[in-house]
Amino acid sequence: VKNFSFPNHVVRIGERIFFSQDDDVAVVQALLDRALTAAPGLAVLPPPNVLYRGTLDGVSEFAMRYYIADYKDKDSATESVWRSVIDHVKRSPHRIITPRRQIELIQDLPADAVAAFVRK
């Protein structure tokens, strides 16, 4: 896969991860940055980075971005990143959490309302 809109010799990979809204954003970013830096098999330049994306469904969302030299190494790089992240988080007071989403089901909708909803 070639990216002609921004030619580069490395491939960027992005992952999402979630923590409690009570966690200090800067502390979590530093934790994830250390984990990415410790993960083997990643390109050194550009360096990996962690972005705070805001809140989503009651949690804080972070984007982890890292680079590899060859797309064929994506699976092994992704595995090494997640192993490093899990290891670093285990040794910290923080916990990876899952966003919560409330979904309400409404029964007895008229057939035309269901059809209109499905078309969207």
N, C-alpha and C. Protein backbone atom coordinates (compact mmCIF):
# COMPACT_ATOMS: atom_id res chain seq x y z
N VAL A 1 0.85 -1.17 0.00
CA VAL A 1 0.00 0.00 0.00
C VAL A 1 0.90 1.23 0.00
N LYS A 2 0.70 2.09 -0.96
CA LYS A 2 1.47 3.33 -1.05
C LYS A 2 0.56 4.50 -0.74
N ASN A 3 1.04 5.43 0.05
CA ASN A 3 0.29 6.62 0.36
C ASN A 3 0.88 7.76 -0.45
N PHE A 4 0.26 8.07 -1.56
CA PHE A 4 0.78 9.11 -2.44
C PHE A 4 0.39 10.51 -1.99
N SER A 5 -0.57 10.62 -1.08
CA SER A 5 -0.93 11.94 -0.59
C SER A 5 0.14 12.50 0.36
N PHE A 6 0.88 11.61 1.01
CA PHE A 6 1.99 12.02 1.86
C PHE A 6 3.05 10.92 1.80
N PRO A 7 3.84 10.93 0.73
CA PRO A 7 4.84 9.86 0.57
C PRO A 7 5.79 9.81 1.77
N ASN A 8 6.01 8.63 2.27
CA ASN A 8 6.85 8.46 3.44
C ASN A 8 7.43 7.05 3.39
N HIS A 9 8.54 6.85 4.04
CA HIS A 9 9.18 5.54 4.04
C HIS A 9 8.68 4.64 5.17
N VAL A 10 7.76 5.13 5.99
CA VAL A 10 7.22 4.33 7.09
C VAL A 10 5.70 4.25 6.99
N VAL A 11 5.14 3.31 7.73
CA VAL A 11 3.69 3.11 7.75
C VAL A 11 3.18 3.46 9.14
N ARG A 12 2.16 4.32 9.22
CA ARG A 12 1.60 4.71 10.51
C ARG A 12 0.48 3.75 10.88
N ILE A 13 0.47 3.33 12.15
CA ILE A 13 -0.59 2.49 12.68
C ILE A 13 -1.22 3.24 13.85
N GLY A 14 -2.51 3.20 13.93
CA GLY A 14 -3.23 3.86 15.02
C GLY A 14 -4.08 2.88 15.80
N GLU A 15 -4.10 3.04 17.09
CA GLU A 15 -4.90 2.20 17.98
C GLU A 15 -5.63 3.12 18.96
N ARG A 16 -6.82 2.73 19.36
CA ARG A 16 -7.57 3.47 20.38
C ARG A 16 -7.53 2.70 21.69
N ILE A 17 -7.49 3.46 22.79
CA ILE A 17 -7.47 2.86 24.11
C ILE A 17 -8.21 3.80 25.05
N PHE A 18 -8.83 3.23 26.09
CA PHE A 18 -9.70 4.02 26.95
C PHE A 18 -9.32 3.85 28.41
N PHE A 19 -9.42 4.95 29.17
CA PHE A 19 -9.15 4.96 30.60
C PHE A 19 -10.25 5.74 31.30
N SER A 20 -10.27 5.66 32.62
CA SER A 20 -11.27 6.38 33.40
C SER A 20 -11.12 7.88 33.21
N GLN A 21 -12.24 8.58 33.25
CA GLN A 21 -12.19 10.04 33.18
C GLN A 21 -11.53 10.63 34.42
N ASP A 22 -11.45 9.85 35.49
CA ASP A 22 -10.82 10.33 36.72
C ASP A 22 -9.29 10.32 36.63
N ASP A 23 -8.74 9.59 35.66
CA ASP A 23 -7.28 9.53 35.51
C ASP A 23 -6.75 10.84 34.94
N ASP A 24 -5.59 11.23 35.42
CA ASP A 24 -4.93 12.44 34.92
C ASP A 24 -4.46 12.19 33.49
N VAL A 25 -4.90 13.03 32.56
CA VAL A 25 -4.60 12.85 31.14
C VAL A 25 -3.09 12.82 30.88
N ALA A 26 -2.36 13.74 31.48
CA ALA A 26 -0.91 13.82 31.26
C ALA A 26 -0.20 12.57 31.78
N VAL A 27 -0.67 12.03 32.90
CA VAL A 27 -0.06 10.82 33.47
C VAL A 27 -0.31 9.62 32.56
N VAL A 28 -1.54 9.49 32.07
CA VAL A 28 -1.86 8.38 31.17
C VAL A 28 -1.08 8.52 29.86
N GLN A 29 -0.98 9.73 29.33
CA GLN A 29 -0.20 9.93 28.10
C GLN A 29 1.25 9.53 28.31
N ALA A 30 1.83 9.91 29.43
CA ALA A 30 3.22 9.55 29.72
C ALA A 30 3.38 8.04 29.86
N LEU A 31 2.41 7.39 30.51
CA LEU A 31 2.44 5.94 30.66
C LEU A 31 2.41 5.25 29.30
N LEU A 32 1.50 5.68 28.44
CA LEU A 32 1.39 5.08 27.11
C LEU A 32 2.61 5.39 26.25
N ASP A 33 3.15 6.58 26.40
CA ASP A 33 4.35 6.94 25.65
C ASP A 33 5.52 6.04 26.03
N ARG A 34 5.68 5.77 27.32
CA ARG A 34 6.75 4.86 27.77
C ARG A 34 6.52 3.45 27.21
N ALA A 35 5.26 3.02 27.20
CA ALA A 35 4.95 1.69 26.69
C ALA A 35 5.26 1.59 25.20
N LEU A 36 4.91 2.60 24.43
CA LEU A 36 5.19 2.58 23.00
C LEU A 36 6.69 2.62 22.74
N THR A 37 7.40 3.42 23.49
CA THR A 37 8.84 3.53 23.31
C THR A 37 9.53 2.21 23.63
N ALA A 38 8.99 1.45 24.58
CA ALA A 38 9.59 0.17 24.98
C ALA A 38 9.22 -0.99 24.05
N ALA A 39 8.22 -0.80 23.20
CA ALA A 39 7.78 -1.90 22.32
C ALA A 39 8.81 -2.14 21.23
N PRO A 40 9.24 -3.39 21.05
CA PRO A 40 10.24 -3.69 20.00
C PRO A 40 9.60 -3.70 18.61
N GLY A 41 10.42 -3.43 17.61
CA GLY A 41 9.99 -3.56 16.22
C GLY A 41 9.37 -2.33 15.60
N LEU A 42 9.37 -1.21 16.33
CA LEU A 42 8.79 0.01 15.78
C LEU A 42 9.87 0.90 15.19
N ALA A 43 9.48 1.73 14.24
CA ALA A 43 10.42 2.70 13.68
C ALA A 43 10.75 3.73 14.76
N VAL A 44 11.98 4.20 14.77
CA VAL A 44 12.41 5.20 15.74
C VAL A 44 11.95 6.59 15.31
N LEU A 45 12.01 6.84 14.00
CA LEU A 45 11.56 8.12 13.46
C LEU A 45 10.49 7.89 12.41
N PRO A 46 9.41 8.60 12.46
CA PRO A 46 9.03 9.50 13.54
C PRO A 46 8.71 8.72 14.81
N PRO A 47 8.87 9.38 15.95
CA PRO A 47 8.62 8.67 17.21
C PRO A 47 7.13 8.40 17.40
N PRO A 48 6.80 7.36 18.16
CA PRO A 48 5.39 7.11 18.46
C PRO A 48 4.82 8.27 19.27
N ASN A 49 3.51 8.44 19.21
CA ASN A 49 2.90 9.51 20.00
C ASN A 49 1.54 9.08 20.51
N VAL A 50 1.10 9.78 21.54
CA VAL A 50 -0.18 9.50 22.17
C VAL A 50 -0.97 10.80 22.21
N LEU A 51 -2.20 10.74 21.74
CA LEU A 51 -3.07 11.92 21.72
C LEU A 51 -4.30 11.68 22.58
N TYR A 52 -4.64 12.67 23.37
CA TYR A 52 -5.89 12.62 24.12
C TYR A 52 -7.00 13.06 23.18
N ARG A 53 -8.02 12.24 23.00
CA ARG A 53 -9.09 12.52 22.04
C ARG A 53 -10.35 13.07 22.69
N GLY A 54 -10.36 13.17 24.02
CA GLY A 54 -11.55 13.66 24.71
C GLY A 54 -12.30 12.52 25.37
N THR A 55 -13.55 12.81 25.72
CA THR A 55 -14.36 11.79 26.38
C THR A 55 -15.33 11.17 25.40
N LEU A 56 -15.63 9.90 25.64
CA LEU A 56 -16.53 9.16 24.78
C LEU A 56 -17.24 8.12 25.63
N ASP A 57 -18.55 8.19 25.68
CA ASP A 57 -19.34 7.19 26.42
C ASP A 57 -18.83 6.99 27.84
N GLY A 58 -18.51 8.07 28.52
CA GLY A 58 -18.13 7.99 29.93
C GLY A 58 -16.68 7.65 30.21
N VAL A 59 -15.83 7.63 29.20
CA VAL A 59 -14.42 7.31 29.39
C VAL A 59 -13.54 8.32 28.65
N SER A 60 -12.26 8.33 28.98
CA SER A 60 -11.29 9.16 28.25
C SER A 60 -10.70 8.33 27.13
N GLU A 61 -10.70 8.88 25.94
CA GLU A 61 -10.18 8.17 24.76
C GLU A 61 -8.80 8.71 24.41
N PHE A 62 -7.88 7.78 24.14
CA PHE A 62 -6.54 8.13 23.70
C PHE A 62 -6.25 7.42 22.38
N ALA A 63 -5.52 8.09 21.52
CA ALA A 63 -5.07 7.48 20.26
C ALA A 63 -3.57 7.25 20.37
N MET A 64 -3.18 5.99 20.16
CA MET A 64 -1.75 5.65 20.13
C MET A 64 -1.36 5.53 18.67
N ARG A 65 -0.33 6.25 18.27
CA ARG A 65 0.14 6.20 16.89
C ARG A 65 1.62 5.84 16.87
N TYR A 66 1.92 4.86 16.06
CA TYR A 66 3.31 4.41 15.96
C TYR A 66 3.58 4.02 14.51
N TYR A 67 4.84 3.82 14.20
CA TYR A 67 5.26 3.64 12.82
C TYR A 67 6.10 2.38 12.68
N ILE A 68 5.97 1.75 11.51
CA ILE A 68 6.78 0.58 11.19
C ILE A 68 7.39 0.79 9.81
N ALA A 69 8.46 0.08 9.54
CA ALA A 69 9.17 0.25 8.28
C ALA A 69 8.48 -0.47 7.12
N ASP A 70 7.77 -1.55 7.41
CA ASP A 70 7.17 -2.34 6.33
C ASP A 70 5.80 -2.84 6.78
N TYR A 71 4.80 -2.67 5.93
CA TYR A 71 3.43 -3.04 6.28
C TYR A 71 3.30 -4.53 6.63
N LYS A 72 4.15 -5.36 6.06
CA LYS A 72 4.06 -6.80 6.35
C LYS A 72 4.34 -7.10 7.83
N ASP A 73 4.94 -6.16 8.53
CA ASP A 73 5.24 -6.34 9.95
C ASP A 73 4.14 -5.81 10.87
N LYS A 74 3.00 -5.43 10.30
CA LYS A 74 1.93 -4.79 11.07
C LYS A 74 1.44 -5.68 12.21
N ASP A 75 1.19 -6.94 11.95
CA ASP A 75 0.64 -7.82 12.99
C ASP A 75 1.61 -7.99 14.16
N SER A 76 2.86 -8.23 13.87
CA SER A 76 3.82 -8.43 14.96
C SER A 76 4.06 -7.13 15.72
N ALA A 77 4.06 -6.00 15.01
CA ALA A 77 4.24 -4.71 15.69
C ALA A 77 3.04 -4.40 16.59
N THR A 78 1.85 -4.68 16.09
CA THR A 78 0.64 -4.45 16.88
C THR A 78 0.66 -5.32 18.14
N GLU A 79 1.06 -6.57 17.99
CA GLU A 79 1.15 -7.45 19.15
C GLU A 79 2.17 -6.93 20.16
N SER A 80 3.33 -6.50 19.69
CA SER A 80 4.36 -6.02 20.62
C SER A 80 3.90 -4.75 21.33
N VAL A 81 3.18 -3.88 20.62
CA VAL A 81 2.67 -2.66 21.25
C VAL A 81 1.68 -3.01 22.35
N TRP A 82 0.71 -3.87 22.05
CA TRP A 82 -0.29 -4.20 23.06
C TRP A 82 0.33 -4.97 24.24
N ARG A 83 1.29 -5.82 23.99
CA ARG A 83 1.96 -6.50 25.11
C ARG A 83 2.66 -5.48 26.02
N SER A 84 3.33 -4.53 25.40
CA SER A 84 4.03 -3.50 26.17
C SER A 84 3.04 -2.61 26.93
N VAL A 85 1.96 -2.22 26.27
CA VAL A 85 0.96 -1.37 26.92
C VAL A 85 0.34 -2.11 28.12
N ILE A 86 -0.05 -3.35 27.92
CA ILE A 86 -0.66 -4.12 29.01
C ILE A 86 0.32 -4.29 30.16
N ASP A 87 1.57 -4.57 29.85
CA ASP A 87 2.59 -4.73 30.88
C ASP A 87 2.77 -3.43 31.68
N HIS A 88 2.87 -2.30 30.99
CA HIS A 88 3.04 -1.02 31.67
C HIS A 88 1.80 -0.65 32.51
N VAL A 89 0.62 -0.91 31.97
CA VAL A 89 -0.60 -0.59 32.71
C VAL A 89 -0.73 -1.47 33.95
N LYS A 90 -0.35 -2.74 33.85
CA LYS A 90 -0.42 -3.64 35.01
C LYS A 90 0.44 -3.12 36.16
N ARG A 91 1.54 -2.49 35.83
CA ARG A 91 2.46 -1.98 36.86
C ARG A 91 2.09 -0.57 37.32
N SER A 92 0.95 -0.07 36.89
CA SER A 92 0.50 1.28 37.27
C SER A 92 -0.82 1.18 38.03
N PRO A 93 -1.26 2.27 38.62
CA PRO A 93 -2.56 2.25 39.30
C PRO A 93 -3.74 2.42 38.33
N HIS A 94 -3.46 2.56 37.06
CA HIS A 94 -4.51 2.81 36.07
C HIS A 94 -5.01 1.49 35.47
N ARG A 95 -6.21 1.54 34.90
CA ARG A 95 -6.79 0.37 34.27
C ARG A 95 -7.39 0.74 32.92
N ILE A 96 -7.19 -0.14 31.95
CA ILE A 96 -7.84 0.02 30.65
C ILE A 96 -9.31 -0.32 30.86
N ILE A 97 -10.19 0.52 30.34
CA ILE A 97 -11.62 0.24 30.50
C ILE A 97 -12.31 0.30 29.14
N THR A 98 -13.53 -0.14 29.12
CA THR A 98 -14.32 -0.19 27.90
C THR A 98 -15.41 0.87 27.96
N PRO A 99 -15.62 1.59 26.88
CA PRO A 99 -16.71 2.58 26.88
C PRO A 99 -18.06 1.91 27.14
N ARG A 100 -18.91 2.61 27.85
CA ARG A 100 -20.26 2.11 28.10
C ARG A 100 -21.22 2.88 27.22
N ARG A 101 -22.12 2.17 26.64
CA ARG A 101 -23.11 2.81 25.77
C ARG A 101 -24.48 2.26 26.14
N GLN A 102 -25.41 3.17 26.35
CA GLN A 102 -26.77 2.75 26.67
C GLN A 102 -27.58 2.74 25.38
N ILE A 103 -28.17 1.60 25.11
CA ILE A 103 -29.01 1.45 23.92
C ILE A 103 -30.41 1.10 24.37
N GLU A 104 -31.37 1.87 23.93
CA GLU A 104 -32.76 1.60 24.29
C GLU A 104 -33.50 1.04 23.09
N LEU A 105 -34.20 -0.05 23.33
CA LEU A 105 -35.00 -0.67 22.29
C LEU A 105 -36.46 -0.29 22.52
N ILE A 106 -37.10 0.15 21.46
CA ILE A 106 -38.49 0.56 21.54
C ILE A 106 -39.32 -0.46 20.78
N GLN A 107 -40.29 -1.03 21.47
CA GLN A 107 -41.15 -2.02 20.83
C GLN A 107 -42.38 -1.35 20.23
N ASP A 108 -43.01 -2.08 19.37
CA ASP A 108 -44.29 -1.67 18.78
C ASP A 108 -44.20 -0.40 17.95
N LEU A 109 -43.12 -0.21 17.23
CA LEU A 109 -43.05 0.91 16.29
C LEU A 109 -43.89 0.58 15.07
N PRO A 110 -44.52 1.58 14.50
CA PRO A 110 -45.26 1.34 13.26
C PRO A 110 -44.31 0.87 12.16
N ALA A 111 -44.77 0.07 11.26
CA ALA A 111 -43.94 -0.50 10.20
C ALA A 111 -43.24 0.57 9.39
N ASP A 112 -43.92 1.69 9.11
CA ASP A 112 -43.29 2.74 8.31
C ASP A 112 -42.16 3.43 9.08
N ALA A 113 -42.25 3.50 10.40
CA ALA A 113 -41.17 4.09 11.20
C ALA A 113 -39.95 3.17 11.20
N VAL A 114 -40.17 1.87 11.29
CA VAL A 114 -39.07 0.90 11.24
C VAL A 114 -38.40 0.96 9.89
N ALA A 115 -39.19 1.02 8.82
CA ALA A 115 -38.62 1.08 7.46
C ALA A 115 -37.81 2.36 7.29
N ALA A 116 -38.27 3.47 7.81
CA ALA A 116 -37.54 4.74 7.70
C ALA A 116 -36.24 4.68 8.48
N PHE A 117 -36.24 4.04 9.64
CA PHE A 117 -35.05 3.92 10.46
C PHE A 117 -34.01 3.02 9.78
N VAL A 118 -34.43 1.94 9.18
CA VAL A 118 -33.53 1.01 8.52
C VAL A 118 -32.88 1.66 7.31
N ARG A 119 -33.59 2.52 6.59
CA ARG A 119 -33.04 3.17 5.40
C ARG A 119 -31.92 4.13 5.74
N LYS A 120 -31.92 4.72 6.93
CA LYS A 120 -30.89 5.67 7.31
C LYS A 120 -29.65 4.95 7.56
